Amino acid sequence: MKRSDFPEAVNGGFTPATTKIRCPKCKSKDISLSETMEAFTVWDVVSGRLNRAGGIHEFGSYINLNGQCSKCRHCWKVRGAIQITDAVTELDPKTFLPIDGGERP
């Protein structure tokens, strides 16, 4: 799976509602997940001068998925996953919740 498989998660400000990931230390389901990925910025240099407005940002490969427990603050690397879509178990868009805690679409 890749991000484009979840347009609501990428474009609409929604995150998948269900995952089996828990804190390996205290078993809490209250966690934060963060994706680490490569990013590139390309700058143009013309006649030895850096073009400040010319920065082009491109994203590269996913590197890993990290977790942090909201209760005990334990940090870990999620095994078997390099992006959030690898950790999702519920794919029904009706179960997606807005990031800001608002109403479902």
N, C-alpha and C. Protein backbone atom coordinates (compact mmCIF):
# COMPACT_ATOMS: atom_id res chain seq x y z
N MET A 1 0.83 -1.18 0.00
CA MET A 1 0.00 0.00 0.00
C MET A 1 0.87 1.25 0.00
N LYS A 2 0.34 2.31 -0.54
CA LYS A 2 1.05 3.57 -0.54
C LYS A 2 0.08 4.69 -0.20
N ARG A 3 0.59 5.88 0.03
CA ARG A 3 -0.26 7.00 0.46
C ARG A 3 -1.42 7.25 -0.48
N SER A 4 -1.21 7.10 -1.77
CA SER A 4 -2.28 7.39 -2.72
C SER A 4 -3.46 6.44 -2.57
N ASP A 5 -3.28 5.33 -1.85
CA ASP A 5 -4.39 4.41 -1.58
C ASP A 5 -5.38 5.01 -0.59
N PHE A 6 -5.00 6.08 0.11
CA PHE A 6 -5.82 6.71 1.14
C PHE A 6 -5.95 8.20 0.86
N PRO A 7 -6.71 8.61 -0.17
CA PRO A 7 -6.78 10.03 -0.49
C PRO A 7 -7.32 10.87 0.66
N GLU A 8 -8.22 10.33 1.49
CA GLU A 8 -8.73 11.10 2.61
C GLU A 8 -7.63 11.38 3.62
N ALA A 9 -6.73 10.43 3.82
CA ALA A 9 -5.65 10.59 4.80
C ALA A 9 -4.64 11.64 4.34
N VAL A 10 -4.46 11.76 3.03
CA VAL A 10 -3.46 12.68 2.51
C VAL A 10 -4.07 14.05 2.24
N ASN A 11 -5.21 14.09 1.56
CA ASN A 11 -5.75 15.34 1.08
C ASN A 11 -6.83 15.96 1.96
N GLY A 12 -7.54 15.16 2.73
CA GLY A 12 -8.69 15.69 3.44
C GLY A 12 -8.46 15.94 4.92
N GLY A 13 -7.25 15.72 5.43
CA GLY A 13 -7.00 15.97 6.83
C GLY A 13 -7.53 14.89 7.75
N PHE A 14 -7.64 13.66 7.29
CA PHE A 14 -8.16 12.58 8.10
C PHE A 14 -7.08 11.54 8.32
N THR A 15 -7.16 10.84 9.43
CA THR A 15 -6.23 9.76 9.70
C THR A 15 -7.02 8.47 9.93
N PRO A 16 -6.44 7.32 9.58
CA PRO A 16 -7.14 6.07 9.82
C PRO A 16 -7.45 5.90 11.30
N ALA A 17 -8.61 5.33 11.61
CA ALA A 17 -9.08 5.26 12.99
C ALA A 17 -8.57 4.04 13.75
N THR A 18 -8.11 3.01 13.05
CA THR A 18 -7.78 1.77 13.73
C THR A 18 -6.39 1.27 13.37
N THR A 19 -5.62 0.91 14.38
CA THR A 19 -4.34 0.26 14.20
C THR A 19 -4.12 -0.69 15.37
N LYS A 20 -3.35 -1.73 15.15
CA LYS A 20 -3.05 -2.68 16.22
C LYS A 20 -1.79 -2.30 16.99
N ILE A 21 -1.15 -1.21 16.60
CA ILE A 21 0.09 -0.81 17.25
C ILE A 21 -0.19 -0.33 18.67
N ARG A 22 0.60 -0.82 19.61
CA ARG A 22 0.53 -0.40 21.01
C ARG A 22 1.94 -0.14 21.50
N CYS A 23 2.03 0.57 22.60
CA CYS A 23 3.33 0.80 23.22
C CYS A 23 3.90 -0.55 23.68
N PRO A 24 5.12 -0.90 23.26
CA PRO A 24 5.68 -2.18 23.68
C PRO A 24 6.04 -2.22 25.16
N LYS A 25 6.14 -1.06 25.79
CA LYS A 25 6.51 -1.01 27.21
C LYS A 25 5.30 -1.12 28.13
N CYS A 26 4.28 -0.27 27.93
CA CYS A 26 3.13 -0.25 28.85
C CYS A 26 1.83 -0.75 28.20
N LYS A 27 1.87 -1.08 26.90
CA LYS A 27 0.73 -1.62 26.14
C LYS A 27 -0.38 -0.60 25.88
N SER A 28 -0.12 0.68 26.08
CA SER A 28 -1.12 1.71 25.85
C SER A 28 -1.45 1.82 24.36
N LYS A 29 -2.70 2.15 24.06
CA LYS A 29 -3.12 2.41 22.69
C LYS A 29 -3.05 3.91 22.37
N ASP A 30 -2.67 4.73 23.34
CA ASP A 30 -2.55 6.18 23.15
C ASP A 30 -1.11 6.50 22.75
N ILE A 31 -0.89 6.58 21.45
CA ILE A 31 0.46 6.76 20.92
C ILE A 31 0.47 7.81 19.81
N SER A 32 1.65 8.27 19.47
CA SER A 32 1.87 9.12 18.30
C SER A 32 2.76 8.35 17.34
N LEU A 33 2.42 8.38 16.06
CA LEU A 33 3.22 7.73 15.03
C LEU A 33 3.78 8.80 14.11
N SER A 34 5.06 8.67 13.76
CA SER A 34 5.68 9.63 12.84
C SER A 34 6.46 8.90 11.76
N GLU A 35 6.24 9.34 10.53
CA GLU A 35 6.95 8.78 9.39
C GLU A 35 8.25 9.56 9.19
N THR A 36 9.32 8.84 8.89
CA THR A 36 10.58 9.47 8.53
C THR A 36 10.81 9.16 7.05
N MET A 37 11.09 10.21 6.29
CA MET A 37 11.32 10.00 4.86
C MET A 37 12.40 10.96 4.37
N GLU A 38 12.96 10.61 3.22
CA GLU A 38 13.95 11.48 2.59
C GLU A 38 13.24 12.69 1.99
N ALA A 39 13.91 13.81 2.03
CA ALA A 39 13.40 15.01 1.36
C ALA A 39 14.59 15.72 0.73
N PHE A 40 14.35 16.29 -0.42
CA PHE A 40 15.40 16.96 -1.16
C PHE A 40 14.96 18.38 -1.49
N THR A 41 15.87 19.31 -1.40
CA THR A 41 15.63 20.68 -1.85
C THR A 41 16.71 21.00 -2.88
N VAL A 42 16.28 21.40 -4.04
CA VAL A 42 17.20 21.74 -5.12
C VAL A 42 17.19 23.25 -5.28
N TRP A 43 18.36 23.86 -5.22
CA TRP A 43 18.49 25.32 -5.35
C TRP A 43 19.26 25.65 -6.62
N ASP A 44 18.81 26.67 -7.32
CA ASP A 44 19.50 27.15 -8.51
C ASP A 44 20.53 28.19 -8.12
N VAL A 45 21.72 28.06 -8.69
CA VAL A 45 22.77 29.07 -8.51
C VAL A 45 23.07 29.62 -9.90
N VAL A 46 22.89 30.92 -10.07
CA VAL A 46 23.10 31.58 -11.36
C VAL A 46 24.19 32.62 -11.18
N SER A 47 25.25 32.49 -11.93
CA SER A 47 26.40 33.41 -11.86
C SER A 47 26.91 33.54 -10.43
N GLY A 48 26.93 32.42 -9.71
CA GLY A 48 27.46 32.40 -8.36
C GLY A 48 26.50 32.89 -7.28
N ARG A 49 25.27 33.24 -7.66
CA ARG A 49 24.29 33.73 -6.68
C ARG A 49 23.16 32.72 -6.52
N LEU A 50 22.82 32.51 -5.27
CA LEU A 50 21.74 31.59 -4.93
C LEU A 50 20.40 32.25 -5.21
N ASN A 51 19.56 31.57 -5.96
CA ASN A 51 18.22 32.06 -6.26
C ASN A 51 17.30 31.64 -5.12
N ARG A 52 16.99 32.56 -4.20
CA ARG A 52 16.20 32.23 -3.01
C ARG A 52 14.80 31.72 -3.36
N ALA A 53 14.21 32.21 -4.41
CA ALA A 53 12.85 31.80 -4.77
C ALA A 53 12.86 30.51 -5.59
N GLY A 54 14.03 29.98 -5.89
CA GLY A 54 14.10 28.84 -6.79
C GLY A 54 14.17 27.48 -6.13
N GLY A 55 13.93 27.39 -4.84
CA GLY A 55 14.02 26.10 -4.17
C GLY A 55 12.91 25.16 -4.60
N ILE A 56 13.27 23.97 -5.03
CA ILE A 56 12.29 22.95 -5.43
C ILE A 56 12.38 21.83 -4.40
N HIS A 57 11.25 21.51 -3.78
CA HIS A 57 11.22 20.47 -2.74
C HIS A 57 10.65 19.19 -3.32
N GLU A 58 11.36 18.11 -3.11
CA GLU A 58 10.92 16.79 -3.58
C GLU A 58 11.06 15.80 -2.44
N PHE A 59 10.08 14.92 -2.33
CA PHE A 59 10.13 13.88 -1.31
C PHE A 59 10.64 12.59 -1.92
N GLY A 60 11.42 11.86 -1.14
CA GLY A 60 12.00 10.61 -1.60
C GLY A 60 11.35 9.42 -0.93
N SER A 61 12.15 8.45 -0.62
CA SER A 61 11.67 7.19 -0.06
C SER A 61 11.32 7.31 1.42
N TYR A 62 10.39 6.47 1.84
CA TYR A 62 10.10 6.34 3.26
C TYR A 62 11.24 5.58 3.91
N ILE A 63 11.61 5.97 5.12
CA ILE A 63 12.72 5.32 5.82
C ILE A 63 12.21 4.43 6.94
N ASN A 64 11.36 4.98 7.82
CA ASN A 64 10.79 4.15 8.89
C ASN A 64 9.60 4.83 9.52
N LEU A 65 8.93 4.08 10.40
CA LEU A 65 7.79 4.58 11.17
C LEU A 65 8.16 4.47 12.64
N ASN A 66 8.06 5.57 13.36
CA ASN A 66 8.42 5.60 14.77
C ASN A 66 7.18 5.83 15.62
N GLY A 67 7.21 5.30 16.83
CA GLY A 67 6.12 5.49 17.77
C GLY A 67 6.61 6.15 19.04
N GLN A 68 5.70 6.90 19.68
CA GLN A 68 5.97 7.46 21.00
C GLN A 68 4.69 7.32 21.81
N CYS A 69 4.81 6.77 22.99
CA CYS A 69 3.67 6.55 23.87
C CYS A 69 3.27 7.87 24.54
N SER A 70 1.98 8.14 24.54
CA SER A 70 1.47 9.36 25.17
C SER A 70 1.42 9.24 26.69
N LYS A 71 1.46 8.01 27.19
CA LYS A 71 1.38 7.81 28.65
C LYS A 71 2.75 7.71 29.30
N CYS A 72 3.60 6.77 28.84
CA CYS A 72 4.90 6.57 29.48
C CYS A 72 6.05 7.23 28.73
N ARG A 73 5.76 7.84 27.55
CA ARG A 73 6.74 8.57 26.73
C ARG A 73 7.80 7.67 26.10
N HIS A 74 7.62 6.35 26.13
CA HIS A 74 8.55 5.42 25.50
C HIS A 74 8.57 5.67 23.99
N CYS A 75 9.75 5.62 23.37
CA CYS A 75 9.92 5.80 21.93
C CYS A 75 10.45 4.51 21.32
N TRP A 76 9.98 4.16 20.14
CA TRP A 76 10.43 2.94 19.48
C TRP A 76 10.24 3.05 17.97
N LYS A 77 10.92 2.16 17.25
CA LYS A 77 10.75 2.02 15.81
C LYS A 77 9.74 0.91 15.59
N VAL A 78 8.69 1.19 14.82
CA VAL A 78 7.64 0.21 14.55
C VAL A 78 8.19 -0.83 13.57
N ARG A 79 8.21 -2.09 14.00
CA ARG A 79 8.73 -3.15 13.14
C ARG A 79 7.72 -3.50 12.06
N GLY A 80 8.24 -3.78 10.86
CA GLY A 80 7.38 -4.22 9.76
C GLY A 80 6.59 -3.10 9.09
N ALA A 81 6.91 -1.84 9.40
CA ALA A 81 6.20 -0.72 8.81
C ALA A 81 7.18 0.42 8.53
N ILE A 82 7.03 1.03 7.36
CA ILE A 82 7.85 2.21 7.07
C ILE A 82 6.99 3.45 6.84
N GLN A 83 5.66 3.26 6.75
CA GLN A 83 4.75 4.39 6.62
C GLN A 83 3.42 4.05 7.30
N ILE A 84 2.63 5.06 7.57
CA ILE A 84 1.40 4.87 8.34
C ILE A 84 0.45 3.87 7.68
N THR A 85 0.40 3.84 6.35
CA THR A 85 -0.51 2.92 5.68
C THR A 85 -0.13 1.46 5.92
N ASP A 86 1.11 1.19 6.30
CA ASP A 86 1.52 -0.17 6.64
C ASP A 86 0.94 -0.61 7.98
N ALA A 87 0.52 0.35 8.80
CA ALA A 87 0.06 0.06 10.16
C ALA A 87 -1.45 0.10 10.30
N VAL A 88 -2.17 0.45 9.23
CA VAL A 88 -3.62 0.60 9.29
C VAL A 88 -4.30 -0.76 9.19
N THR A 89 -5.28 -1.00 10.08
CA THR A 89 -6.04 -2.24 10.00
C THR A 89 -7.47 -2.00 9.57
N GLU A 90 -7.98 -0.77 9.72
CA GLU A 90 -9.34 -0.42 9.34
C GLU A 90 -9.29 0.49 8.12
N LEU A 91 -9.81 0.02 6.99
CA LEU A 91 -9.70 0.76 5.75
C LEU A 91 -10.99 1.48 5.35
N ASP A 92 -12.08 1.30 6.11
CA ASP A 92 -13.35 1.92 5.78
C ASP A 92 -13.29 3.42 6.01
N PRO A 93 -13.45 4.26 4.95
CA PRO A 93 -13.36 5.71 5.12
C PRO A 93 -14.37 6.27 6.12
N LYS A 94 -15.46 5.54 6.40
CA LYS A 94 -16.45 6.01 7.37
C LYS A 94 -15.89 6.02 8.78
N THR A 95 -14.81 5.28 9.02
CA THR A 95 -14.22 5.24 10.35
C THR A 95 -13.07 6.22 10.50
N PHE A 96 -12.77 6.98 9.45
CA PHE A 96 -11.72 7.98 9.54
C PHE A 96 -12.22 9.14 10.39
N LEU A 97 -11.36 9.69 11.21
CA LEU A 97 -11.72 10.82 12.06
C LEU A 97 -10.90 12.03 11.68
N PRO A 98 -11.50 13.22 11.69
CA PRO A 98 -10.74 14.44 11.39
C PRO A 98 -9.64 14.65 12.43
N ILE A 99 -8.51 15.15 12.01
CA ILE A 99 -7.39 15.42 12.89
C ILE A 99 -7.79 16.39 13.98
N ASP A 100 -8.62 17.38 13.66
CA ASP A 100 -9.00 18.39 14.65
C ASP A 100 -10.08 17.93 15.61
N GLY A 101 -10.51 16.67 15.51
CA GLY A 101 -11.51 16.13 16.42
C GLY A 101 -12.94 16.50 16.05
N GLY A 102 -13.14 17.09 14.89
CA GLY A 102 -14.48 17.52 14.46
C GLY A 102 -15.34 16.36 13.99
N GLU A 103 -16.41 16.70 13.31
CA GLU A 103 -17.37 15.72 12.82
C GLU A 103 -16.79 14.92 11.66
N ARG A 104 -17.31 13.72 11.49
CA ARG A 104 -16.94 12.92 10.31
C ARG A 104 -17.59 13.53 9.09
N PRO A 105 -16.95 13.34 7.92
CA PRO A 105 -17.53 13.90 6.69
C PRO A 105 -18.82 13.19 6.31
